[in-house]
Amino acid sequence: MRWWKILGLAGFVGVAATGVVIARAERRRRAYTPDEIRARLHTRHTEASETGSAAHG
């Protein structure tokens, strides 16, 4: 019966660690201003367009 306790504790620790990772990623994502996000999206779009046209032409 003891291994059930260990398994339960390991599961709890895993869920807690996942929550920490998600919270950290959310804070990092929210740290960008709308202008920074817009600029990053424009950059990604430009790179994707260049890659797409090079692959087709």
Protein backbone atom coordinates (compact mmCIF):
# COMPACT_ATOMS: atom_id res chain seq x y z
CA MET A 1 0.00 0.00 0.00
CA ARG A 2 2.98 2.30 0.50
CA TRP A 3 3.80 2.50 -3.20
CA TRP A 4 0.34 3.97 -3.83
CA LYS A 5 1.26 6.87 -1.57
CA ILE A 6 4.54 7.37 -3.41
CA LEU A 7 2.77 7.21 -6.78
CA GLY A 8 0.17 9.73 -5.60
CA LEU A 9 2.84 12.08 -4.30
CA ALA A 10 4.77 11.81 -7.59
CA GLY A 11 1.60 12.64 -9.53
CA PHE A 12 0.93 15.64 -7.33
CA VAL A 13 4.48 16.91 -7.79
CA GLY A 14 4.14 16.45 -11.57
CA VAL A 15 0.92 18.45 -11.69
CA ALA A 16 2.43 21.20 -9.55
CA ALA A 17 5.54 21.38 -11.75
CA THR A 18 3.39 21.61 -14.87
CA GLY A 19 1.45 24.49 -13.31
CA VAL A 20 4.68 26.32 -12.56
CA VAL A 21 5.88 25.92 -16.14
CA ILE A 22 2.56 27.16 -17.54
CA ALA A 23 2.50 30.15 -15.18
CA ARG A 24 6.06 31.09 -16.11
CA ALA A 25 5.30 30.88 -19.83
CA GLU A 26 2.17 32.99 -19.35
CA ARG A 27 4.12 35.69 -17.50
CA ARG A 28 6.74 35.73 -20.25
CA ARG A 29 4.03 35.99 -22.92
CA ARG A 30 2.24 38.84 -21.15
CA ALA A 31 5.49 40.79 -20.77
CA TYR A 32 5.35 41.83 -24.44
CA THR A 33 3.65 45.07 -25.39
CA PRO A 34 1.10 44.99 -28.22
CA ASP A 35 3.58 46.79 -30.49
CA GLU A 36 6.25 44.16 -29.78
CA ILE A 37 3.81 41.36 -30.54
CA ARG A 38 2.75 43.04 -33.78
CA ALA A 39 6.38 43.51 -34.84
CA ARG A 40 7.19 39.86 -34.07
CA LEU A 41 4.18 38.68 -36.07
CA HIS A 42 5.16 40.85 -39.04
CA THR A 43 8.70 39.44 -38.89
CA ARG A 44 7.43 35.86 -38.77
CA HIS A 45 5.06 36.52 -41.66
CA THR A 46 7.84 38.02 -43.76
CA GLU A 47 10.15 35.08 -43.04
CA ALA A 48 7.41 32.58 -43.83
CA SER A 49 6.58 34.38 -47.08
CA GLU A 50 10.21 34.38 -48.16
CA THR A 51 10.60 30.70 -47.29
CA GLY A 52 7.39 29.82 -49.10
CA SER A 53 8.27 31.67 -52.28
CA ALA A 54 11.80 30.18 -52.32
CA ALA A 55 10.38 26.68 -52.01
CA HIS A 56 7.88 27.19 -54.86
CA GLY A 57 10.06 29.14 -57.25
